[in-house]
């Protein structure tokens, strides 16, 4: 088993296994909670795969400082946690539940709030539970942008213009054209939550443009026919089998898996999807070998060729919830099948992850 198993910050389960564990958890907690995990079928192996979005915004830049805007890590108050969706990010108290198309949790007595990402703020009928007193949400912008160019912004939040839209009584709703989303909130902390709006680390990593130089304090590594740079302070760990729960990342670690053996499915603990539990961790996992594709178990789209390398993003990129903390992508020569897979933590400002992403090259001689 990898060291990642000792850092089971998140849970990846197939749809049926997740439902079974959710039922058991609800029974254990009594009538206090209903937890429904609706994960994609490709999540069948409990694994280090966190998916980040098909329609992820195009962005990338920064070496020492950025050549473009970063996610503003200072926007997150102490005790709160960032919750990204596509190009945008809001921060909420760490105990709030994160609701997404792939996951739904409700009825938890200790939860004072919920944030919905990529899904409207509502609980399906029949679950026997209600919305929390405090809510926030991030949704695609939709067709609300007509005439916005002729209006003065309602406010500028961390350099991002926002436009007030009509909303239900007691809630505040903004259109954010620069990030392609609508953000809203209701309850006693609504304005405080909306004041944390910033870009997501994903948008920083994928932004078009030069990524800048790799800092001299970093180290270059070669694995799976690929060369890339990482902070020298990160620990190096090697394994020959995918055997982990969660996203498969160990914080502050470069985990290199030469998957010569089939992935090992582990019994993974159920973890409620709070904002604090799901926030991204800095780290990098690279998987290659005979069972690499089976281990990571993703589908890919949005391919591009950079520096002679074909990079394809997981189709779950940027979809929010559990899938938002890691960027998963395949790497290969153009017109060849992918044999090496990266899982890159999207933490902080996104600057460090951008440099790692931009450093990827084919290894000399490959």
Protein backbone atom coordinates (compact mmCIF):
# COMPACT_ATOMS: atom_id res chain seq x y z
CA UNK A 1 0.00 0.00 0.00
CA UNK A 2 1.21 3.49 -0.70
CA UNK A 3 1.78 6.14 1.87
CA UNK A 4 -1.26 7.83 0.36
CA UNK A 5 -3.49 5.41 2.22
CA UNK A 6 -2.51 7.08 5.42
CA UNK A 7 -3.75 10.40 4.07
CA UNK A 8 -7.27 9.47 3.05
CA UNK A 9 -8.56 12.99 2.70
CA UNK A 10 -11.21 12.06 0.14
CA UNK A 11 -13.22 9.09 -1.05
CA UNK A 12 -13.54 7.75 -4.57
CA UNK A 13 -16.04 4.94 -4.98
CA UNK A 14 -18.11 3.36 -7.70
CA UNK A 15 -21.75 4.38 -7.74
CA UNK A 16 -23.08 1.21 -6.07
CA UNK A 17 -20.33 1.01 -3.46
CA UNK A 18 -20.80 4.66 -2.59
CA UNK A 19 -24.53 4.23 -2.13
CA UNK A 20 -23.96 1.19 0.09
CA UNK A 21 -21.49 3.02 2.28
CA UNK A 22 -23.76 6.06 2.43
CA UNK A 23 -26.62 3.88 3.62
CA UNK A 24 -24.44 2.33 6.29
CA UNK A 25 -23.21 5.72 7.43
CA UNK A 26 -26.73 7.08 7.66
CA UNK A 27 -27.73 4.10 9.78
CA UNK A 28 -24.74 4.56 12.03
CA UNK A 29 -25.51 8.20 12.58
CA UNK A 30 -29.16 7.36 13.12
CA UNK A 31 -31.72 9.67 11.61
CA UNK A 32 -29.30 12.56 11.77
CA UNK A 33 -27.96 12.31 8.23
CA UNK A 34 -28.71 11.26 4.72
CA UNK A 35 -25.67 10.96 2.47
CA UNK A 36 -26.01 10.17 -1.21
CA UNK A 37 -22.81 9.93 -3.27
CA UNK A 38 -23.43 10.06 -6.99
CA UNK A 39 -20.04 9.52 -8.55
CA UNK A 40 -19.22 8.76 -12.14
CA UNK A 41 -19.09 5.07 -13.17
CA UNK A 42 -15.39 5.39 -13.98
CA UNK A 43 -14.74 5.83 -10.25
CA UNK A 44 -15.05 2.08 -9.75
CA UNK A 45 -11.61 1.68 -8.18
CA UNK A 46 -11.01 3.59 -4.98
CA UNK A 47 -8.12 5.66 -6.19
CA UNK A 48 -6.11 8.86 -6.34
CA UNK A 49 -8.04 10.36 -9.15
CA UNK A 50 -9.61 13.70 -8.69
CA UNK A 51 -11.09 15.02 -11.83
CA UNK A 52 -11.14 18.64 -12.77
CA UNK A 53 -13.42 19.97 -15.70
CA UNK A 54 -14.13 19.40 -19.34
CA UNK A 55 -14.98 23.03 -19.91
CA UNK A 56 -12.07 24.24 -17.85
CA UNK A 57 -11.09 27.76 -18.74
CA UNK A 58 -8.01 28.32 -20.83
CA UNK A 59 -5.28 29.74 -18.61
CA UNK A 60 -1.64 29.32 -17.50
CA UNK A 61 1.03 31.68 -16.16
CA UNK A 62 3.43 32.47 -13.40
CA UNK A 63 6.93 31.64 -12.34
CA UNK A 64 8.11 33.77 -9.54
CA UNK A 65 5.27 36.21 -9.85
CA UNK A 66 2.48 35.74 -12.34
CA UNK A 67 2.16 37.12 -15.83
CA UNK A 68 -1.58 36.94 -15.22
CA UNK A 69 -4.00 37.07 -12.27
CA UNK A 70 -3.82 34.35 -9.64
CA UNK A 71 -6.34 32.83 -7.30
CA UNK A 72 -6.26 35.12 -4.27
CA UNK A 73 -5.42 32.82 -1.36
CA UNK A 74 -5.81 35.74 1.06
CA UNK A 75 -9.53 35.84 0.20
CA UNK A 76 -10.11 32.78 2.41
CA UNK A 77 -10.66 33.75 6.08
CA UNK A 78 -9.13 31.68 8.87
CA UNK A 79 -11.20 28.56 9.52
CA UNK A 80 -12.79 28.72 6.09
CA UNK A 81 -11.97 26.62 3.02
CA UNK A 82 -11.92 27.45 -0.71
CA UNK A 83 -14.48 25.72 -2.95
CA UNK A 84 -13.70 26.03 -6.69
CA UNK A 85 -15.91 25.45 -9.72
CA UNK A 86 -14.53 25.91 -13.24
CA UNK A 87 -12.85 29.36 -13.30
CA UNK A 88 -14.35 30.65 -10.04
CA UNK A 89 -13.89 30.05 -6.35
CA UNK A 90 -15.77 31.00 -3.19
CA UNK A 91 -14.69 30.30 0.37
CA UNK A 92 -17.03 29.12 3.11
CA UNK A 93 -16.71 27.93 6.70
CA UNK A 94 -14.88 24.61 6.72
CA UNK A 95 -17.84 22.73 8.22
CA UNK A 96 -20.19 23.59 5.36
CA UNK A 97 -21.22 20.72 3.10
CA UNK A 98 -20.17 20.80 -0.55
CA UNK A 99 -22.97 19.76 -2.91
CA UNK A 100 -22.21 18.88 -6.54
CA UNK A 101 -23.74 16.90 -9.40
CA UNK A 102 -21.75 13.84 -8.26
CA UNK A 103 -22.48 14.17 -4.55
CA UNK A 104 -25.30 15.23 -2.30
CA UNK A 105 -25.39 15.33 1.48
CA UNK A 106 -28.06 16.69 3.78
CA UNK A 107 -29.69 16.35 7.17
CA UNK A 108 -26.50 16.78 9.15
CA UNK A 109 -27.31 18.53 12.40
CA UNK A 110 -23.82 19.92 12.77
CA UNK A 111 -23.84 21.54 9.32
CA UNK A 112 -24.83 25.20 9.43
CA UNK A 113 -24.35 25.77 5.71
CA UNK A 114 -24.12 24.27 2.23
CA UNK A 115 -22.41 25.40 -0.95
CA UNK A 116 -23.71 24.10 -4.28
CA UNK A 117 -21.29 23.94 -7.22
CA UNK A 118 -22.57 23.20 -10.71
CA UNK A 119 -26.03 22.40 -9.36
CA UNK A 120 -28.90 24.60 -8.18
CA UNK A 121 -29.34 25.07 -4.41
CA UNK A 122 -32.09 22.58 -3.74
CA UNK A 123 -32.54 19.14 -2.17
CA UNK A 124 -34.47 16.53 -4.21
CA UNK A 125 -37.81 15.54 -2.76
CA UNK A 126 -37.99 12.30 -0.82
CA UNK A 127 -34.68 12.57 1.05
CA UNK A 128 -36.43 13.76 4.19
CA UNK A 129 -34.09 16.66 4.88
CA UNK A 130 -33.92 20.39 4.27
CA UNK A 131 -31.55 23.04 3.07
CA UNK A 132 -29.25 24.57 5.67
CA UNK A 133 -29.88 28.04 7.03
CA UNK A 134 -26.91 29.44 5.09
CA UNK A 135 -26.38 28.72 1.41
CA UNK A 136 -23.99 29.65 -1.38
CA UNK A 137 -23.75 28.53 -4.99
CA UNK A 138 -21.66 28.78 -8.16
CA UNK A 139 -23.36 28.05 -11.49
CA UNK A 140 -22.54 28.55 -15.18
CA UNK A 141 -23.32 32.10 -16.33
CA UNK A 142 -25.99 30.93 -18.76
CA UNK A 143 -27.72 33.55 -20.89
CA UNK A 144 -27.62 36.40 -18.40
CA UNK A 145 -24.87 38.42 -20.10
CA UNK A 146 -26.95 40.41 -22.60
CA UNK A 147 -26.41 44.13 -22.15
CA UNK A 148 -23.86 43.69 -19.38
CA UNK A 149 -21.18 45.41 -21.45
CA UNK A 150 -23.18 48.65 -21.24
CA UNK A 151 -23.57 48.53 -17.46
CA UNK A 152 -21.25 49.67 -14.74
CA UNK A 153 -20.27 46.79 -12.43
CA UNK A 154 -22.11 46.61 -9.14
CA UNK A 155 -18.82 45.91 -7.39
CA UNK A 156 -15.22 44.84 -7.97
CA UNK A 157 -14.23 41.84 -5.85
CA UNK A 158 -10.52 41.01 -5.83
CA UNK A 159 -10.16 42.72 -9.19
CA UNK A 160 -13.15 40.91 -10.71
CA UNK A 161 -16.20 42.95 -11.83
CA UNK A 162 -19.57 41.57 -10.72
CA UNK A 163 -23.10 42.56 -11.71
CA UNK A 164 -26.11 42.27 -9.40
CA UNK A 165 -28.98 40.17 -10.77
CA UNK A 166 -32.52 39.91 -9.48
CA UNK A 167 -32.86 37.16 -6.88
CA UNK A 168 -35.19 35.74 -4.26
CA UNK A 169 -35.80 37.73 -1.11
CA UNK A 170 -32.99 37.29 1.37
CA UNK A 171 -30.39 36.26 -1.21
CA UNK A 172 -27.75 38.05 -3.27
CA UNK A 173 -26.91 36.98 -6.83
CA UNK A 174 -24.05 38.22 -9.01
CA UNK A 175 -23.15 37.60 -12.64
CA UNK A 176 -19.38 37.26 -13.15
CA UNK A 177 -18.76 37.49 -16.91
CA UNK A 178 -14.95 37.36 -16.61
CA UNK A 179 -15.20 33.92 -14.97
CA UNK A 180 -18.27 32.68 -16.86
CA UNK A 181 -20.34 32.02 -13.73
CA UNK A 182 -23.12 33.25 -11.48
CA UNK A 183 -22.48 33.27 -7.75
CA UNK A 184 -25.09 33.64 -5.05
CA UNK A 185 -25.63 33.32 -1.34
CA UNK A 186 -28.34 33.58 1.29
CA UNK A 187 -28.41 33.60 5.07
CA UNK A 188 -26.53 35.58 7.68
CA UNK A 189 -23.10 35.10 6.06
CA UNK A 190 -24.18 35.72 2.46
CA UNK A 191 -22.24 38.93 1.83
CA UNK A 192 -19.17 37.64 3.66
CA UNK A 193 -19.12 34.54 1.44
CA UNK A 194 -19.54 36.52 -1.77
CA UNK A 195 -16.71 38.83 -0.71
CA UNK A 196 -14.32 35.84 -1.02
CA UNK A 197 -14.87 35.51 -4.78
CA UNK A 198 -11.65 34.92 -6.70
CA UNK A 199 -10.30 32.93 -9.61
CA UNK A 200 -9.84 29.20 -9.18
CA UNK A 201 -6.37 27.61 -9.22
CA UNK A 202 -7.59 25.58 -12.22
CA UNK A 203 -8.08 28.76 -14.24
CA UNK A 204 -4.56 29.83 -13.36
CA UNK A 205 -3.01 26.51 -14.38
CA UNK A 206 -4.80 26.32 -17.73
CA UNK A 207 -4.53 29.95 -18.78
CA UNK A 208 -2.96 30.56 -22.17
CA UNK A 209 0.43 32.21 -22.32
CA UNK A 210 4.00 31.62 -21.17
CA UNK A 211 4.36 29.79 -17.88
CA UNK A 212 7.72 31.31 -17.02
CA UNK A 213 10.93 29.83 -15.73
CA UNK A 214 11.21 27.01 -13.25
CA UNK A 215 12.67 28.37 -9.98
CA UNK A 216 16.31 27.50 -9.42
CA UNK A 217 15.41 25.92 -6.07
CA UNK A 218 13.27 23.24 -7.77
CA UNK A 219 14.44 19.87 -9.04
CA UNK A 220 13.83 18.14 -12.38
CA UNK A 221 12.51 14.59 -12.43
CA UNK A 222 12.12 12.00 -15.17
CA UNK A 223 9.50 9.27 -15.10
CA UNK A 224 7.36 7.44 -17.63
CA UNK A 225 9.19 9.03 -20.53
CA UNK A 226 8.32 12.50 -19.26
CA UNK A 227 10.47 15.21 -17.70
CA UNK A 228 8.99 17.71 -15.24
CA UNK A 229 9.95 20.00 -12.36
CA UNK A 230 8.74 20.02 -8.75
CA UNK A 231 9.70 21.87 -5.56
CA UNK A 232 12.86 20.35 -4.11
CA UNK A 233 11.29 20.31 -0.64
CA UNK A 234 8.60 17.84 -1.70
CA UNK A 235 9.26 14.26 -0.60
CA UNK A 236 9.77 11.56 -3.23
CA UNK A 237 7.90 8.26 -2.92
CA UNK A 238 7.90 5.31 -5.35
CA UNK A 239 5.40 2.46 -5.60
CA UNK A 240 4.58 -0.35 -8.05
CA UNK A 241 0.82 -0.50 -7.49
CA UNK A 242 -2.11 1.84 -7.21
CA UNK A 243 -3.34 1.20 -3.65
CA UNK A 244 -4.91 4.21 -2.05
CA UNK A 245 -8.14 5.91 -1.11
CA UNK A 246 -9.03 9.46 -1.96
CA UNK A 247 -7.33 11.42 -4.71
CA UNK A 248 -4.13 9.42 -4.38
CA UNK A 249 -2.04 12.38 -3.36
CA UNK A 250 0.17 12.68 -0.33
CA UNK A 251 0.48 16.36 0.66
CA UNK A 252 3.87 17.82 -0.21
CA UNK A 253 4.93 14.62 -1.99
CA UNK A 254 5.84 13.49 -5.48
CA UNK A 255 4.36 9.98 -5.71
CA UNK A 256 5.68 7.98 -8.68
CA UNK A 257 3.76 4.77 -9.42
CA UNK A 258 5.13 2.28 -11.97
CA UNK A 259 1.95 0.20 -12.06
CA UNK A 260 3.37 -3.24 -12.81
CA UNK A 261 0.54 -4.82 -10.79
CA UNK A 262 -3.24 -4.35 -11.08
CA UNK A 263 -4.73 -1.63 -8.88
CA UNK A 264 -5.63 -2.74 -5.39
CA UNK A 265 -9.13 -1.80 -4.26
CA UNK A 266 -9.11 -0.87 -0.59
CA UNK A 267 -11.86 -0.51 1.99
CA UNK A 268 -12.08 3.25 2.27
CA UNK A 269 -13.64 5.17 5.16
CA UNK A 270 -16.70 7.28 4.46
CA UNK A 271 -15.89 10.95 4.76
CA UNK A 272 -18.57 13.59 4.67
CA UNK A 273 -17.95 16.19 1.94
CA UNK A 274 -17.25 19.27 3.99
CA UNK A 275 -15.39 22.20 2.50
CA UNK A 276 -12.45 21.62 4.84
CA UNK A 277 -12.20 17.90 3.99
CA UNK A 278 -12.35 18.51 0.24
CA UNK A 279 -9.95 21.40 -0.11
CA UNK A 280 -7.03 20.77 -2.44
CA UNK A 281 -3.60 19.62 -1.29
CA UNK A 282 -0.28 20.51 -2.85
CA UNK A 283 1.27 17.41 -4.40
CA UNK A 284 1.83 15.42 -7.56
CA UNK A 285 1.16 11.79 -8.44
CA UNK A 286 2.46 10.34 -11.71
CA UNK A 287 1.35 6.89 -12.87
CA UNK A 288 2.87 4.82 -15.67
CA UNK A 289 3.34 1.15 -16.44
CA UNK A 290 1.20 -1.76 -17.64
CA UNK A 291 -1.78 -0.99 -15.40
CA UNK A 292 -1.53 2.81 -15.42
CA UNK A 293 -4.70 3.52 -17.41
CA UNK A 294 -6.69 0.96 -15.42
CA UNK A 295 -5.40 2.46 -12.18
CA UNK A 296 -6.32 6.05 -12.94
CA UNK A 297 -9.47 4.97 -14.78
CA UNK A 298 -10.43 8.22 -16.48
CA UNK A 299 -11.63 9.34 -19.89
CA UNK A 300 -9.96 12.28 -21.58
CA UNK A 301 -10.81 15.12 -23.94
CA UNK A 302 -9.65 18.69 -24.60
CA UNK A 303 -6.27 17.65 -25.95
CA UNK A 304 -3.53 20.07 -26.89
CA UNK A 305 0.09 19.75 -27.99
CA UNK A 306 2.54 21.77 -25.89
CA UNK A 307 6.31 21.64 -26.35
CA UNK A 308 5.93 18.52 -28.48
CA UNK A 309 3.84 16.77 -25.80
CA UNK A 310 0.18 15.81 -26.21
CA UNK A 311 -1.74 16.64 -23.01
CA UNK A 312 -5.38 15.56 -22.59
CA UNK A 313 -7.53 16.67 -19.65
CA UNK A 314 -9.86 14.36 -17.80
CA UNK A 315 -13.47 14.91 -18.81
CA UNK A 316 -14.30 15.64 -15.16
CA UNK A 317 -12.04 18.70 -15.06
CA UNK A 318 -13.56 21.62 -13.15
CA UNK A 319 -16.90 20.02 -12.36
CA UNK A 320 -16.72 20.94 -8.72
CA UNK A 321 -17.18 19.10 -5.46
CA UNK A 322 -14.83 16.22 -4.85
CA UNK A 323 -13.52 16.51 -8.42
CA UNK A 324 -12.23 20.07 -8.08
CA UNK A 325 -9.03 19.69 -6.06
CA UNK A 326 -6.88 17.82 -8.59
CA UNK A 327 -6.17 18.26 -12.28
CA UNK A 328 -5.90 14.86 -13.97
CA UNK A 329 -4.38 14.63 -17.43
CA UNK A 330 -2.63 12.16 -19.72
CA UNK A 331 0.70 12.77 -21.42
CA UNK A 332 1.99 11.19 -24.64
CA UNK A 333 3.68 11.86 -27.93
CA UNK A 334 1.34 13.33 -30.54
CA UNK A 335 -0.75 10.63 -32.27
CA UNK A 336 0.21 7.99 -29.69
CA UNK A 337 -1.81 6.38 -26.93
CA UNK A 338 -1.20 7.84 -23.50
CA UNK A 339 0.95 5.80 -21.16
CA UNK A 340 1.65 8.33 -18.40
CA UNK A 341 -0.93 10.06 -16.20
CA UNK A 342 -0.58 13.06 -13.90
CA UNK A 343 -2.65 14.05 -10.86
CA UNK A 344 -1.71 17.61 -9.93
CA UNK A 345 -2.95 19.29 -6.74
CA UNK A 346 -4.74 22.61 -7.35
CA UNK A 347 -4.03 24.38 -4.09
CA UNK A 348 -3.37 27.95 -3.05
CA UNK A 349 -2.99 30.58 -5.75
CA UNK A 350 -2.42 28.02 -8.52
CA UNK A 351 1.00 29.52 -9.24
CA UNK A 352 3.03 26.48 -8.19
CA UNK A 353 0.76 24.03 -10.04
CA UNK A 354 1.02 26.22 -13.15
CA UNK A 355 4.79 26.04 -13.16
CA UNK A 356 4.71 22.24 -12.79
CA UNK A 357 2.17 21.93 -15.60
CA UNK A 358 4.22 24.20 -17.84
CA UNK A 359 7.45 22.30 -17.18
CA UNK A 360 6.26 19.02 -18.74
CA UNK A 361 8.42 17.80 -21.63
CA UNK A 362 9.29 14.50 -23.25
CA UNK A 363 12.33 13.01 -21.57
CA UNK A 364 15.57 13.15 -23.60
CA UNK A 365 15.97 10.06 -25.75
CA UNK A 366 12.23 9.23 -25.69
